[in-house]
C-alpha atoms as a PDB file:
ATOM      1  CA  MET A   1       0.000   0.000   0.000  1.00  0.00           C
ATOM      2  CA  PRO A   2       1.499   3.371  -0.905  1.00  0.00           C
ATOM      3  CA  ALA A   3       2.433   5.671   1.952  1.00  0.00           C
ATOM      4  CA  ILE A   4      -0.091   8.343   0.964  1.00  0.00           C
ATOM      5  CA  LEU A   5      -2.924   5.820   1.075  1.00  0.00           C
ATOM      6  CA  LEU A   6      -1.766   4.646   4.497  1.00  0.00           C
ATOM      7  CA  LEU A   7      -1.761   8.277   5.626  1.00  0.00           C
ATOM      8  CA  PHE A   8      -5.377   8.669   4.547  1.00  0.00           C
ATOM      9  CA  VAL A   9      -6.344   5.439   6.309  1.00  0.00           C
ATOM     10  CA  HIS A  10      -4.873   6.741   9.569  1.00  0.00           C
ATOM     11  CA  LEU A  11      -6.521  10.107   9.040  1.00  0.00           C
ATOM     12  CA  ALA A  12      -9.890   8.428   8.518  1.00  0.00           C
ATOM     13  CA  LEU A  13      -9.300   6.335  11.625  1.00  0.00           C
ATOM     14  CA  TRP A  14      -8.713   9.422  13.795  1.00  0.00           C
ATOM     15  CA  VAL A  15     -11.693  11.218  12.274  1.00  0.00           C
ATOM     16  CA  LEU A  16     -13.857   8.243  13.222  1.00  0.00           C
ATOM     17  CA  TYR A  17     -12.373   8.269  16.728  1.00  0.00           C
ATOM     18  CA  SER A  18     -13.194  11.970  17.092  1.00  0.00           C
ATOM     19  CA  LEU A  19     -16.726  11.332  15.870  1.00  0.00           C
ATOM     20  CA  VAL A  20     -17.175   8.571  18.450  1.00  0.00           C
ATOM     21  CA  LEU A  21     -15.916  10.933  21.168  1.00  0.00           C
ATOM     22  CA  ILE A  22     -18.363  13.618  20.076  1.00  0.00           C
ATOM     23  CA  LEU A  23     -21.255  11.155  20.099  1.00  0.00           C
ATOM     24  CA  SER A  24     -20.331   9.867  23.556  1.00  0.00           C
ATOM     25  CA  ARG A  25     -19.529  13.178  25.219  1.00  0.00           C
ATOM     26  CA  HIS A  26     -20.388  12.120  28.790  1.00  0.00           C
ATOM     27  CA  ASP A  27     -18.081   9.100  29.011  1.00  0.00           C
ATOM     28  CA  HIS A  28     -15.463   8.847  31.716  1.00  0.00           C
ATOM     29  CA  ASN A  29     -11.859   9.687  30.742  1.00  0.00           C
ATOM     30  CA  LEU A  30     -10.793   6.104  31.437  1.00  0.00           C
ATOM     31  CA  PHE A  31     -13.140   4.814  28.757  1.00  0.00           C
ATOM     32  CA  GLU A  32     -11.977   7.472  26.301  1.00  0.00           C
ATOM     33  CA  SER A  33      -8.386   6.365  26.911  1.00  0.00           C
ATOM     34  CA  LEU A  34      -9.286   2.716  26.397  1.00  0.00           C
ATOM     35  CA  LEU A  35     -11.066   3.639  23.183  1.00  0.00           C
ATOM     36  CA  LEU A  36      -7.946   5.529  22.051  1.00  0.00           C
ATOM     37  CA  LEU A  37      -5.870   2.400  22.638  1.00  0.00           C
ATOM     38  CA  LEU A  38      -8.410   0.314  20.743  1.00  0.00           C
ATOM     39  CA  PHE A  39      -8.342   2.641  17.727  1.00  0.00           C
ATOM     40  CA  ALA A  40      -4.524   2.792  17.842  1.00  0.00           C
ATOM     41  CA  TYR A  41      -4.369  -1.020  17.889  1.00  0.00           C
ATOM     42  CA  PHE A  42      -6.772  -1.199  14.950  1.00  0.00           C
ATOM     43  CA  GLY A  43      -4.534   1.258  13.078  1.00  0.00           C
ATOM     44  CA  TYR A  44      -1.536  -0.898  13.934  1.00  0.00           C
ATOM     45  CA  LEU A  45      -3.250  -4.003  12.567  1.00  0.00           C
ATOM     46  CA  LEU A  46      -4.126  -2.208   9.328  1.00  0.00           C
ATOM     47  CA  THR A  47      -0.564  -0.962   8.984  1.00  0.00           C
ATOM     48  CA  VAL A  48       0.999  -4.382   9.671  1.00  0.00           C
ATOM     49  CA  HIS A  49      -1.317  -5.919   7.109  1.00  0.00           C
ATOM     50  CA  SER A  50      -0.330  -3.368   4.495  1.00  0.00           C
ATOM     51  CA  ILE A  51       3.463  -3.147   4.938  1.00  0.00           C
ATOM     52  CA  GLN A  52       4.345  -6.565   6.482  1.00  0.00           C
ATOM     53  CA  ASN A  53       6.942  -5.058   8.871  1.00  0.00           C
ATOM     54  CA  LYS A  54       5.955  -5.009  12.546  1.00  0.00           C
ATOM     55  CA  GLY A  55       8.645  -2.570  13.689  1.00  0.00           C
ATOM     56  CA  MET A  56       7.884  -0.022  11.008  1.00  0.00           C
ATOM     57  CA  ALA A  57       4.140  -0.469  11.543  1.00  0.00           C
ATOM     58  CA  PHE A  58       4.563   0.240  15.246  1.00  0.00           C
ATOM     59  CA  ARG A  59       6.547   3.421  14.566  1.00  0.00           C
ATOM     60  CA  ILE A  60       4.020   4.640  11.989  1.00  0.00           C
ATOM     61  CA  THR A  61       1.083   3.957  14.307  1.00  0.00           C
ATOM     62  CA  LEU A  62       2.813   5.547  17.293  1.00  0.00           C
ATOM     63  CA  SER A  63       3.625   8.635  15.219  1.00  0.00           C
ATOM     64  CA  SER A  64       0.055   8.867  13.984  1.00  0.00           C
ATOM     65  CA  THR A  65      -1.335   8.513  17.505  1.00  0.00           C
ATOM     66  CA  LEU A  66       1.030  11.100  18.970  1.00  0.00           C
ATOM     67  CA  LEU A  67       0.237  13.546  16.175  1.00  0.00           C
ATOM     68  CA  TYR A  68      -3.473  13.093  16.859  1.00  0.00           C
ATOM     69  CA  ILE A  69      -3.006  13.664  20.596  1.00  0.00           C
ATOM     70  CA  ALA A  70      -0.829  16.739  19.991  1.00  0.00           C
ATOM     71  CA  GLY A  71      -3.337  18.152  17.501  1.00  0.00           C
ATOM     72  CA  LYS A  72      -6.226  17.570  19.871  1.00  0.00           C
ATOM     73  CA  TRP A  73      -4.315  19.190  22.726  1.00  0.00           C
ATOM     74  CA  ALA A  74      -3.484  22.189  20.525  1.00  0.00           C
ATOM     75  CA  ALA A  75      -7.110  22.574  19.455  1.00  0.00           C
ATOM     76  CA  VAL A  76      -8.336  22.416  23.038  1.00  0.00           C
ATOM     77  CA  SER A  77      -5.734  24.733  24.555  1.00  0.00           C
ATOM     78  CA  TRP A  78      -5.013  27.274  21.840  1.00  0.00           C
ATOM     79  CA  LEU A  79      -8.357  27.536  20.105  1.00  0.00           C
ATOM     80  CA  HIS A  80     -10.419  26.942  23.269  1.00  0.00           C
ATOM     81  CA  LEU A  81     -12.449  24.222  21.613  1.00  0.00           C
ATOM     82  CA  SER A  82     -14.351  21.726  23.706  1.00  0.00           C
ATOM     83  CA  LEU A  83     -13.544  18.359  22.192  1.00  0.00           C
END
């Protein structure tokens, strides 16, 4: 799978995660964290399936997850959004 397609798959995954968080606004933070781990694991499985290298798949998924968390933190703190 080309890298750009993998990028869009991860982007779609985090958009779906954000949508789930919006739909379940009153959940406890523990459950939101568990859901984050579940979506990250699903992204890892998709990446392993597409590139067949577990080490590289882990680094790609970790980078994608950290970028999502940093972007969410920036949106909440700088733009005063309530996500």
